[in-house]
Amino acid sequence: MPFFKKQKIRTRFAPSPTGFLHIGGLRTALYEYIFAKQNKGDFVLRIEDTDQTREVEGAVENLLKALKWAGLTADEGILLGNDGKPSERGNFGPYTQSKRLKIYQKYAQELINQDKVYYCFCTPARLEELKNNQQTAGQPTHYDRECLKLNSDEVKAKLDMGERYVIRFKVPEGQEVKFVDTVKGEIKFSTNDIDDQIILKSDGFPTYHLASVVDDYLMKINYVIRGEEWLSSTPKHILLYQAFNWSVPQFAHLPLLLNPDKSKLSKRQGDVAVEDYRDQGYLPEALINFVALLGWNPGTEQEIFSLEELIKVFDLKKVHKSGAVFNREKFDWFNSVYIKKLDLDEFKKIARPYLEKNIAHVQPDLNLDKLFAIEQQRISKLSEIGEELKFIFIDKLEYDHKKLIWKKSDTVSTLKNLELLIIELEKYSKGDWTAEILEKNIIKFIADAGLQNGDVLWPMRFALTGEEKSPTPFEVAEILGQEKSLARLGEAIEKLK
């Protein structure tokens, strides 16, 4: 639902290029996208790569492809070019943080000039010892402001000697940072509990705190939607906004996604990457629909939503405060609904590669149209296609001939019924070899012969499939075709003899 009427809404998705697009990241991007669209605003994509040690080659391209596949294209920032490579569009670039170092250093210097930050020359060894001592004493692990005691001459001397340093923010003491989060409500922090965080590292790169605040301000981002793991960082960011005398954006922190055991959703317990679900044959529309409802619901019985419908009904204020469980079975159900909604030709087009991957050899004389029609109504993801119908693609079935016999029947009766069935099926023309005609005529043939359905249809099914569970024997016969069906029935007779 629209939020601002005067100020143009600008949201941003700002992932780090550390590998794959996490399903939680997709939900964040989705909510930002929806919120921007329903307010006629802009959805900006920025790459936060200040931690160069964690960057994975090709991660930006993969991330952009995953977002494009999901239907979430940024209005501005880093986009996927026609050549498949990242490109930029917009008036507030660069949109990659590693290309903005001089900007961050400029604003860090501004804070130095205002005495709102200070140089810290402490070695990693001293900081580790300080942390260990505080933990042993049961104290919070805060920097002890040792370097804040240095006077200007001492700082200058250390700088002149080329000592390594970081720049820390001087958190004001005895204040309260208060803000109203769209999801969490009113939040309060005491500055006495906030550490003097590093804003500029010794390599000249900013930390997330400085970079995100500077970028959000310069890129005119006025609505920051992100995961609740950043909630504890928000007071630090608000203090930075205040130090620069900038307007503070509206914050909305989304609840965590959880495994069924209520632990944080992680790769250790299953797939968490958008790419994984794409490759398994989940449809983007199903994923978007499912993810939108993780932590939010419309307050009605409706569950199936297109992206356009979500833009109309989504309300950020109604996002739940507690974590949302990622229910894989529910996701499978959503995907099966969307698969069934596809036009058959479209389904065949996207399902064919999965069938060819699952089946080593697909014979050209099989009626694949019928197979696709059956599978479209059965599977929950494209990677399942053909999995339970492998008997279709086997040249010669192997099974225990005793399983051809239906319940209270016997070998002699089963043999006779299969022989009669072959005589009946040999009469059919190619045009009559459809599941519908086969079912109608064979049921009539069984009745006219004074036989029981099970005594004929069970051995027919088992002879054609070698399985106790399968589509109807008529559907299988249509897929196999007349020649293969008669051959399998003949092989069953030989097994019984």
Protein backbone atom coordinates (compact mmCIF):
# COMPACT_ATOMS: atom_id res chain seq x y z
CA MET A 1 0.00 0.00 0.00
CA PRO A 2 1.37 3.48 -0.88
CA PHE A 3 3.28 5.12 1.94
CA PHE A 4 4.64 8.51 0.89
CA LYS A 5 2.71 10.98 -1.22
CA LYS A 6 5.14 13.89 -1.43
CA GLN A 7 8.64 12.46 -1.32
CA LYS A 8 9.58 10.01 -4.06
CA ILE A 9 10.35 6.65 -2.53
CA ARG A 10 13.78 5.23 -3.27
CA THR A 11 14.67 1.77 -1.97
CA ARG A 12 17.87 -0.15 -2.56
CA PHE A 13 19.03 -3.74 -2.61
CA ALA A 14 22.70 -3.81 -1.69
CA PRO A 15 24.12 -7.35 -1.65
CA SER A 16 27.75 -8.35 -1.28
CA PRO A 17 29.29 -10.38 -4.14
CA THR A 18 30.18 -13.31 -1.91
CA GLY A 19 28.60 -16.15 -3.90
CA PHE A 20 24.96 -16.95 -4.49
CA LEU A 21 21.74 -14.99 -3.98
CA HIS A 22 20.30 -16.24 -0.67
CA ILE A 23 16.57 -16.84 -0.57
CA GLY A 24 16.41 -14.31 2.28
CA GLY A 25 18.13 -11.78 0.05
CA LEU A 26 15.54 -12.42 -2.64
CA ARG A 27 12.74 -11.72 -0.16
CA THR A 28 14.42 -8.44 0.86
CA ALA A 29 14.80 -7.44 -2.78
CA LEU A 30 11.19 -8.42 -3.48
CA TYR A 31 9.77 -6.32 -0.65
CA GLU A 32 11.95 -3.37 -1.69
CA TYR A 33 10.86 -3.76 -5.31
CA ILE A 34 7.17 -4.03 -4.41
CA PHE A 35 7.33 -1.09 -2.01
CA ALA A 36 9.03 1.11 -4.61
CA LYS A 37 6.58 0.13 -7.36
CA GLN A 38 3.42 0.66 -5.30
CA ASN A 39 4.70 4.14 -4.39
CA LYS A 40 5.79 4.94 -7.97
CA GLY A 41 9.36 5.12 -6.71
CA ASP A 42 12.76 3.75 -7.70
CA PHE A 43 14.34 0.40 -6.88
CA VAL A 44 18.12 0.76 -6.86
CA LEU A 45 20.71 -2.04 -6.99
CA ARG A 46 24.06 -1.33 -5.36
CA ILE A 47 26.98 -3.73 -4.86
CA GLU A 48 28.63 -3.60 -1.43
CA ASP A 49 32.09 -5.08 -1.97
CA THR A 50 34.17 -3.29 0.65
CA ASP A 51 35.22 -6.64 2.15
CA GLN A 52 37.44 -7.69 -0.73
CA THR A 53 38.58 -10.90 1.02
CA ARG A 54 35.08 -12.42 0.68
CA GLU A 55 34.43 -11.48 -2.94
CA VAL A 56 33.75 -14.39 -5.31
CA GLU A 57 34.56 -14.07 -8.99
CA GLY A 58 31.43 -13.98 -11.15
CA ALA A 59 29.15 -13.42 -8.14
CA VAL A 60 27.79 -10.09 -9.44
CA GLU A 61 26.82 -11.63 -12.78
CA ASN A 62 25.19 -14.60 -11.06
CA LEU A 63 23.29 -12.31 -8.71
CA LEU A 64 21.99 -10.17 -11.57
CA LYS A 65 20.94 -13.24 -13.55
CA ALA A 66 19.07 -14.64 -10.55
CA LEU A 67 17.22 -11.36 -10.01
CA LYS A 68 16.37 -11.07 -13.70
CA TRP A 69 15.10 -14.68 -13.72
CA ALA A 70 12.90 -13.83 -10.72
CA GLY A 71 11.50 -10.80 -12.55
CA LEU A 72 13.08 -8.16 -10.33
CA THR A 73 14.90 -5.66 -12.52
CA ALA A 74 16.34 -2.54 -10.92
CA ASP A 75 15.35 0.90 -12.17
CA GLU A 76 18.82 2.18 -11.45
CA GLY A 77 22.27 1.03 -10.41
CA ILE A 78 23.97 -2.20 -11.49
CA LEU A 79 22.06 -3.95 -14.28
CA LEU A 80 22.71 -6.86 -16.61
CA GLY A 81 23.80 -5.58 -20.00
CA ASN A 82 22.84 -7.09 -23.35
CA ASP A 83 26.23 -8.80 -23.39
CA GLY A 84 25.45 -10.56 -20.11
CA LYS A 85 27.87 -8.40 -18.16
CA PRO A 86 27.16 -5.87 -15.39
CA SER A 87 26.61 -2.27 -16.47
CA GLU A 88 25.49 0.91 -14.71
CA ARG A 89 22.50 3.15 -15.20
CA GLY A 90 21.63 6.20 -13.12
CA ASN A 91 22.81 9.59 -11.92
CA PHE A 92 24.29 8.58 -8.57
CA GLY A 93 27.10 6.21 -9.55
CA PRO A 94 29.42 4.52 -9.26
CA TYR A 95 27.07 1.92 -7.78
CA THR A 96 29.88 -0.41 -6.71
CA GLN A 97 31.42 0.57 -3.38
CA SER A 98 35.01 -0.37 -4.25
CA LYS A 99 34.85 2.37 -6.90
CA ARG A 100 33.79 4.99 -4.34
CA LEU A 101 36.76 4.93 -1.94
CA LYS A 102 37.67 8.60 -2.40
CA ILE A 103 34.08 9.54 -1.56
CA TYR A 104 34.20 7.64 1.76
CA GLN A 105 37.63 9.02 2.62
CA LYS A 106 36.36 12.53 1.96
CA TYR A 107 33.47 12.11 4.39
CA ALA A 108 35.68 10.39 6.96
CA GLN A 109 37.97 13.42 6.80
CA GLU A 110 34.96 15.67 7.31
CA LEU A 111 34.20 13.82 10.55
CA ILE A 112 37.87 14.11 11.58
CA ASN A 113 37.72 17.86 11.07
CA GLN A 114 34.64 18.01 13.29
CA ASP A 115 36.29 15.87 16.00
CA LYS A 116 33.54 13.26 15.72
CA VAL A 117 35.91 10.40 14.98
CA TYR A 118 39.48 9.56 16.02
CA TYR A 119 42.52 7.66 14.85
CA CYS A 120 43.13 4.28 16.48
CA PHE A 121 46.63 2.78 16.26
CA CYS A 122 46.00 -0.30 18.40
CA THR A 123 47.51 -3.49 17.03
CA PRO A 124 45.40 -6.61 16.40
CA ALA A 125 47.30 -8.31 19.22
CA ARG A 126 46.32 -5.62 21.74
CA LEU A 127 42.69 -5.69 20.61
CA GLU A 128 42.57 -9.47 20.95
CA GLU A 129 44.07 -9.31 24.44
CA LEU A 130 41.55 -6.61 25.42
CA LYS A 131 38.68 -8.74 24.13
CA ASN A 132 39.89 -11.85 25.97
CA ASN A 133 40.31 -9.94 29.25
CA GLN A 134 36.81 -8.46 28.97
CA GLN A 135 35.29 -11.87 28.21
CA THR A 136 37.13 -13.44 31.15
CA ALA A 137 35.78 -10.71 33.43
CA GLY A 138 32.26 -11.22 32.04
CA GLN A 139 32.20 -7.73 30.54
CA PRO A 140 30.84 -6.54 27.16
CA THR A 141 33.57 -6.53 24.51
CA HIS A 142 33.99 -2.82 23.75
CA TYR A 143 37.00 -0.89 22.59
CA ASP A 144 38.43 0.89 25.66
CA ARG A 145 39.14 4.21 23.88
CA GLU A 146 42.85 3.96 24.58
CA CYS A 147 43.71 5.96 21.45
CA LEU A 148 41.20 8.68 22.34
CA LYS A 149 43.67 9.66 25.06
CA LEU A 150 46.27 10.66 22.46
CA ASN A 151 46.71 14.41 21.96
CA SER A 152 47.01 15.97 18.52
CA ASP A 153 50.81 16.02 18.60
CA GLU A 154 50.99 12.33 19.47
CA VAL A 155 48.54 11.48 16.70
CA LYS A 156 50.55 13.56 14.19
CA ALA A 157 53.76 11.87 15.23
CA LYS A 158 52.30 8.41 14.72
CA LEU A 159 50.89 9.41 11.35
CA ASP A 160 54.25 10.88 10.29
CA MET A 161 55.94 7.61 11.27
CA GLY A 162 53.54 5.72 9.01
CA GLU A 163 51.90 3.68 11.75
CA ARG A 164 48.89 1.69 10.61
CA TYR A 165 45.58 3.01 11.85
CA VAL A 166 41.84 2.76 11.58
CA ILE A 167 39.31 5.53 12.15
CA ARG A 168 36.73 5.00 14.87
CA PHE A 169 33.49 6.84 15.43
CA LYS A 170 33.30 8.65 18.76
CA VAL A 171 29.97 7.46 20.11
CA PRO A 172 28.45 10.13 22.39
CA GLU A 173 27.93 8.94 25.95
CA GLY A 174 24.72 8.90 27.95
CA GLN A 175 22.31 9.38 25.07
CA GLU A 176 19.36 7.40 23.80
CA VAL A 177 18.92 6.52 20.14
CA LYS A 178 15.24 6.03 19.40
CA PHE A 179 13.50 5.29 16.11
CA VAL A 180 10.28 3.73 14.84
CA ASP A 181 10.87 0.69 12.68
CA THR A 182 8.06 -0.05 10.20
CA VAL A 183 8.11 -3.74 11.13
CA LYS A 184 9.47 -3.83 14.68
CA GLY A 185 7.83 -0.71 16.06
CA GLU A 186 9.61 1.69 18.45
CA ILE A 187 13.23 0.72 19.15
CA LYS A 188 15.52 2.26 21.77
CA PHE A 189 19.27 1.91 22.30
CA SER A 190 21.54 3.46 24.91
CA THR A 191 24.74 4.86 23.45
CA ASN A 192 26.54 3.45 26.50
CA ASP A 193 25.99 0.03 24.95
CA ILE A 194 27.33 0.99 21.53
CA ASP A 195 30.98 0.42 20.69
CA ASP A 196 33.15 3.01 18.94
CA GLN A 197 32.84 1.20 15.63
CA ILE A 198 35.49 1.40 12.95
CA ILE A 199 34.31 3.44 9.97
CA LEU A 200 37.52 3.36 7.90
CA LYS A 201 39.86 0.37 7.86
CA SER A 202 43.65 0.42 7.66
CA ASP A 203 43.54 -0.42 3.95
CA GLY A 204 41.53 2.73 3.21
CA PHE A 205 38.29 0.81 2.67
CA PRO A 206 35.22 1.86 4.64
CA THR A 207 33.29 -0.51 6.86
CA TYR A 208 29.66 -1.26 6.10
CA HIS A 209 28.57 1.42 8.59
CA LEU A 210 30.17 4.39 6.87
CA ALA A 211 29.72 3.15 3.30
CA SER A 212 26.02 2.35 3.60
CA VAL A 213 25.21 5.64 5.32
CA VAL A 214 27.15 7.75 2.83
CA ASP A 215 25.79 5.85 -0.16
CA ASP A 216 22.18 5.92 1.05
CA TYR A 217 22.43 9.66 1.61
CA LEU A 218 24.12 10.48 -1.71
CA MET A 219 21.83 8.12 -3.65
CA LYS A 220 18.77 9.67 -1.95
CA ILE A 221 17.62 6.37 -0.45
CA ASN A 222 14.86 7.26 1.98
CA TYR A 223 13.52 3.82 2.84
CA VAL A 224 15.97 1.18 4.05
CA ILE A 225 14.47 -2.33 4.06
CA ARG A 226 16.85 -5.05 5.24
CA GLY A 227 17.17 -8.17 7.39
CA GLU A 228 16.84 -7.93 11.15
CA GLU A 229 20.49 -8.97 11.58
CA TRP A 230 21.24 -5.29 10.86
CA LEU A 231 18.93 -4.02 13.59
CA SER A 232 21.75 -3.67 16.14
CA SER A 233 23.74 -1.62 13.59
CA THR A 234 20.92 0.85 13.02
CA PRO A 235 21.69 3.09 16.05
CA LYS A 236 25.29 3.36 14.80
CA HIS A 237 23.98 4.45 11.43
CA ILE A 238 21.56 6.95 12.94
CA LEU A 239 24.43 8.47 14.96
CA LEU A 240 26.42 8.81 11.74
CA TYR A 241 23.49 10.52 10.01
CA GLN A 242 23.26 12.91 12.94
CA ALA A 243 27.01 13.54 12.89
CA PHE A 244 26.73 14.60 9.25
CA ASN A 245 23.52 16.53 10.00
CA TRP A 246 21.66 14.47 7.41
CA SER A 247 18.02 13.34 7.42
CA VAL A 248 17.59 9.81 8.70
CA PRO A 249 15.75 7.41 6.35
CA GLN A 250 12.85 5.21 7.43
CA PHE A 251 13.99 1.73 8.48
CA ALA A 252 12.18 -1.61 8.17
CA HIS A 253 13.91 -4.74 9.46
CA LEU A 254 12.58 -8.06 8.16
CA PRO A 255 12.39 -11.18 10.36
CA LEU A 256 14.74 -14.09 9.75
CA LEU A 257 13.86 -17.05 7.57
CA LEU A 258 13.94 -20.27 9.59
CA ASN A 259 14.29 -24.00 9.06
CA PRO A 260 11.37 -26.14 10.29
CA ASP A 261 13.32 -26.69 13.55
CA LYS A 262 13.32 -22.88 14.00
CA SER A 263 17.07 -22.58 13.40
CA LYS A 264 18.30 -19.90 11.01
CA LEU A 265 17.89 -20.93 7.37
CA SER A 266 21.34 -21.97 6.22
CA LYS A 267 22.98 -24.12 3.56
CA ARG A 268 23.92 -26.69 6.21
CA GLN A 269 20.29 -27.85 6.33
CA GLY A 270 19.33 -27.58 2.68
CA ASP A 271 19.19 -25.36 -0.37
CA VAL A 272 19.17 -21.63 0.30
CA ALA A 273 20.31 -20.23 -3.05
CA VAL A 274 17.88 -18.92 -5.64
CA GLU A 275 20.04 -20.60 -8.29
CA ASP A 276 19.51 -23.99 -6.65
CA TYR A 277 15.75 -23.70 -6.91
CA ARG A 278 15.94 -22.37 -10.46
CA ASP A 279 18.09 -25.33 -11.52
CA GLN A 280 15.74 -27.81 -9.85
CA GLY A 281 12.89 -26.55 -11.97
CA TYR A 282 10.99 -24.21 -9.72
CA LEU A 283 9.22 -21.47 -11.65
CA PRO A 284 10.11 -17.83 -10.87
CA GLU A 285 6.45 -16.90 -10.41
CA ALA A 286 6.03 -19.65 -7.82
CA LEU A 287 9.17 -18.63 -5.95
CA ILE A 288 8.12 -14.97 -5.85
CA ASN A 289 4.61 -15.91 -4.65
CA PHE A 290 5.96 -18.24 -1.95
CA VAL A 291 8.69 -15.88 -0.72
CA ALA A 292 6.27 -12.94 -0.52
CA LEU A 293 4.20 -14.90 2.00
CA LEU A 294 7.18 -15.72 4.23
CA GLY A 295 6.45 -13.35 7.08
CA TRP A 296 3.48 -11.56 5.52
CA ASN A 297 -0.05 -12.47 4.54
CA PRO A 298 -2.89 -10.44 3.03
CA GLY A 299 -5.36 -11.27 5.79
CA THR A 300 -7.55 -13.19 3.34
CA GLU A 301 -7.82 -16.80 2.15
CA GLN A 302 -6.07 -15.98 -1.13
CA GLU A 303 -2.66 -17.62 -1.56
CA ILE A 304 -1.90 -17.35 -5.27
CA PHE A 305 -0.60 -13.91 -6.24
CA SER A 306 1.10 -12.62 -9.35
CA LEU A 307 3.78 -9.97 -8.88
CA GLU A 308 1.32 -7.37 -10.17
CA GLU A 309 -1.26 -8.45 -7.58
CA LEU A 310 1.35 -8.32 -4.82
CA ILE A 311 2.17 -4.74 -5.75
CA LYS A 312 -1.51 -3.88 -5.22
CA VAL A 313 -2.09 -5.63 -1.88
CA PHE A 314 1.27 -5.88 -0.09
CA ASP A 315 1.55 -3.87 3.12
CA LEU A 316 4.99 -3.52 4.71
CA LYS A 317 3.41 -2.55 8.01
CA LYS A 318 1.83 -6.00 8.21
CA VAL A 319 5.07 -7.94 7.96
CA HIS A 320 5.35 -10.20 11.00
CA LYS A 321 7.84 -9.42 13.74
CA SER A 322 8.87 -13.04 14.33
CA GLY A 323 10.80 -15.37 12.03
CA ALA A 324 9.12 -17.18 9.12
CA VAL A 325 9.54 -20.93 8.57
CA PHE A 326 10.64 -22.00 5.09
CA ASN A 327 8.28 -24.92 4.43
CA ARG A 328 9.62 -26.88 1.46
CA GLU A 329 6.41 -28.92 1.09
CA LYS A 330 4.38 -25.73 0.85
CA PHE A 331 6.82 -24.38 -1.73
CA ASP A 332 6.42 -27.58 -3.76
CA TRP A 333 2.66 -27.10 -3.67
CA PHE A 334 2.96 -23.52 -4.94
CA ASN A 335 5.21 -24.67 -7.76
CA SER A 336 2.86 -27.49 -8.76
CA VAL A 337 0.01 -24.96 -9.00
CA TYR A 338 2.04 -22.75 -11.31
CA ILE A 339 3.19 -25.71 -13.42
CA LYS A 340 -0.44 -26.77 -13.93
CA LYS A 341 -1.34 -23.23 -15.02
CA LEU A 342 1.14 -23.30 -17.91
CA ASP A 343 0.02 -23.75 -21.49
CA LEU A 344 1.00 -27.31 -22.50
CA ASP A 345 3.27 -26.08 -25.29
CA GLU A 346 5.06 -23.77 -22.86
CA PHE A 347 5.37 -26.59 -20.33
CA LYS A 348 6.86 -28.91 -22.97
CA LYS A 349 9.36 -26.23 -23.96
CA ILE A 350 10.74 -25.68 -20.46
CA ALA A 351 10.39 -29.31 -19.30
CA ARG A 352 12.11 -30.98 -22.27
CA PRO A 353 15.68 -30.16 -21.12
CA TYR A 354 14.95 -31.71 -17.72
CA LEU A 355 13.56 -34.86 -19.34
CA GLU A 356 16.65 -35.21 -21.51
CA LYS A 357 18.84 -34.74 -18.45
CA ASN A 358 16.95 -37.42 -16.47
CA ILE A 359 16.67 -39.92 -19.32
CA ALA A 360 19.81 -41.07 -21.10
CA HIS A 361 17.98 -41.92 -24.33
CA VAL A 362 14.58 -40.63 -25.38
CA GLN A 363 13.25 -42.79 -28.22
CA PRO A 364 11.85 -40.73 -31.12
CA ASP A 365 8.80 -42.98 -31.59
CA LEU A 366 7.33 -42.31 -28.12
CA ASN A 367 4.25 -40.10 -27.75
CA LEU A 368 5.90 -37.46 -25.62
CA ASP A 369 2.93 -35.09 -25.88
CA LYS A 370 0.94 -37.49 -23.73
CA LEU A 371 3.86 -37.95 -21.33
CA PHE A 372 4.20 -34.19 -20.87
CA ALA A 373 0.45 -33.82 -20.35
CA ILE A 374 0.55 -36.47 -17.60
CA GLU A 375 3.65 -35.09 -15.92
CA GLN A 376 2.33 -31.52 -15.94
CA GLN A 377 -0.48 -32.62 -13.66
CA ARG A 378 1.75 -34.75 -11.42
CA ILE A 379 5.12 -33.15 -10.71
CA SER A 380 5.93 -30.38 -8.25
CA LYS A 381 9.17 -29.30 -9.97
CA LEU A 382 10.56 -29.73 -13.47
CA SER A 383 13.51 -31.84 -12.31
CA GLU A 384 11.03 -34.60 -11.39
CA ILE A 385 9.86 -35.11 -14.95
CA GLY A 386 10.34 -38.69 -16.10
CA GLU A 387 11.68 -39.76 -12.70
CA GLU A 388 8.75 -42.09 -11.96
CA LEU A 389 8.13 -42.97 -15.60
CA LYS A 390 11.53 -44.42 -16.43
CA PHE A 391 9.82 -47.66 -17.43
CA ILE A 392 8.65 -45.78 -20.53
CA PHE A 393 12.22 -45.45 -21.79
CA ILE A 394 13.48 -48.95 -21.00
CA ASP A 395 13.81 -51.34 -23.94
CA LYS A 396 13.14 -54.51 -21.94
CA LEU A 397 11.44 -54.59 -18.52
CA GLU A 398 12.70 -56.86 -15.74
CA TYR A 399 10.18 -58.00 -13.15
CA ASP A 400 8.84 -61.03 -11.29
CA HIS A 401 6.20 -62.62 -13.54
CA LYS A 402 4.10 -63.54 -10.49
CA LYS A 403 3.31 -59.85 -10.01
CA LEU A 404 1.32 -59.92 -13.26
CA ILE A 405 -1.40 -61.92 -11.53
CA TRP A 406 -4.25 -59.94 -9.95
CA LYS A 407 -5.23 -60.87 -6.38
CA LYS A 408 -7.49 -64.00 -6.54
CA SER A 409 -6.65 -64.73 -10.19
CA ASP A 410 -4.15 -67.36 -11.36
CA THR A 411 -1.50 -67.89 -14.01
CA VAL A 412 -3.77 -69.67 -16.48
CA SER A 413 -6.49 -67.00 -16.31
CA THR A 414 -3.98 -64.15 -16.53
CA LEU A 415 -2.33 -65.76 -19.55
CA LYS A 416 -5.68 -66.18 -21.30
CA ASN A 417 -6.78 -62.61 -20.52
CA LEU A 418 -3.55 -61.13 -21.89
CA GLU A 419 -3.87 -63.18 -25.08
CA LEU A 420 -7.46 -61.94 -25.55
CA LEU A 421 -6.30 -58.39 -24.85
CA ILE A 422 -3.63 -58.56 -27.56
CA ILE A 423 -6.20 -59.82 -30.08
CA GLU A 424 -8.42 -56.85 -29.14
CA LEU A 425 -5.61 -54.28 -29.33
CA GLU A 426 -4.34 -55.48 -32.71
CA LYS A 427 -7.64 -54.30 -34.25
CA TYR A 428 -7.01 -50.62 -33.45
CA SER A 429 -5.92 -48.15 -36.10
CA LYS A 430 -3.22 -45.58 -35.36
CA GLY A 431 -5.85 -42.84 -35.08
CA ASP A 432 -7.71 -44.79 -32.40
CA TRP A 433 -4.63 -45.31 -30.27
CA THR A 434 -5.43 -42.68 -27.65
CA ALA A 435 -5.95 -43.10 -23.92
CA GLU A 436 -9.57 -41.99 -24.16
CA ILE A 437 -10.54 -44.41 -26.94
CA LEU A 438 -8.51 -47.24 -25.44
CA GLU A 439 -10.19 -46.85 -22.07
CA LYS A 440 -13.70 -46.70 -23.51
CA ASN A 441 -13.24 -49.70 -25.81
CA ILE A 442 -11.26 -51.93 -23.45
CA ILE A 443 -13.74 -51.44 -20.59
CA LYS A 444 -16.49 -52.46 -23.06
CA PHE A 445 -14.42 -55.43 -24.27
CA ILE A 446 -13.96 -56.63 -20.65
CA ALA A 447 -17.68 -56.35 -19.93
CA ASP A 448 -18.68 -58.09 -23.18
CA ALA A 449 -16.26 -60.95 -22.39
CA GLY A 450 -17.76 -61.35 -18.92
CA LEU A 451 -14.44 -60.60 -17.25
CA GLN A 452 -13.52 -58.49 -14.21
CA ASN A 453 -11.68 -55.18 -14.71
CA GLY A 454 -8.91 -56.07 -12.29
CA ASP A 455 -8.24 -59.41 -13.97
CA VAL A 456 -7.43 -57.63 -17.24
CA LEU A 457 -6.30 -54.11 -16.34
CA TRP A 458 -3.86 -55.11 -13.60
CA PRO A 459 -1.78 -57.46 -15.80
CA MET A 460 -2.05 -54.91 -18.62
CA ARG A 461 -0.65 -52.17 -16.38
CA PHE A 462 2.12 -54.36 -14.96
CA ALA A 463 3.09 -55.72 -18.36
CA LEU A 464 3.42 -52.19 -19.74
CA THR A 465 5.24 -50.67 -16.74
CA GLY A 466 6.71 -53.31 -14.47
CA GLU A 467 5.44 -51.13 -11.64
CA GLU A 468 2.59 -51.44 -9.16
CA LYS A 469 1.92 -47.68 -9.29
CA SER A 470 1.82 -45.72 -12.51
CA PRO A 471 -0.50 -43.67 -14.71
CA THR A 472 -3.42 -45.64 -16.11
CA PRO A 473 -2.55 -48.47 -18.52
CA PHE A 474 -4.39 -46.55 -21.24
CA GLU A 475 -2.19 -43.47 -20.79
CA VAL A 476 0.96 -45.60 -20.73
CA ALA A 477 -0.17 -47.43 -23.87
CA GLU A 478 -0.70 -44.10 -25.66
CA ILE A 479 2.80 -42.94 -24.73
CA LEU A 480 4.45 -46.21 -25.75
CA GLY A 481 2.49 -46.52 -28.98
CA GLN A 482 0.79 -49.61 -30.40
CA GLU A 483 3.91 -51.51 -31.47
CA LYS A 484 5.77 -51.18 -28.14
CA SER A 485 2.62 -51.86 -26.10
CA LEU A 486 1.86 -55.09 -27.98
CA ALA A 487 5.50 -56.14 -27.67
CA ARG A 488 5.45 -55.68 -23.88
CA LEU A 489 2.20 -57.60 -23.55
CA GLY A 490 3.77 -60.37 -25.63
CA GLU A 491 6.83 -60.42 -23.35
CA ALA A 492 4.52 -60.75 -20.33
CA ILE A 493 2.87 -63.79 -21.91
CA GLU A 494 6.28 -65.37 -22.46
CA LYS A 495 7.20 -64.75 -18.81
CA LEU A 496 3.98 -66.42 -17.64
CA LYS A 497 4.60 -69.46 -19.88
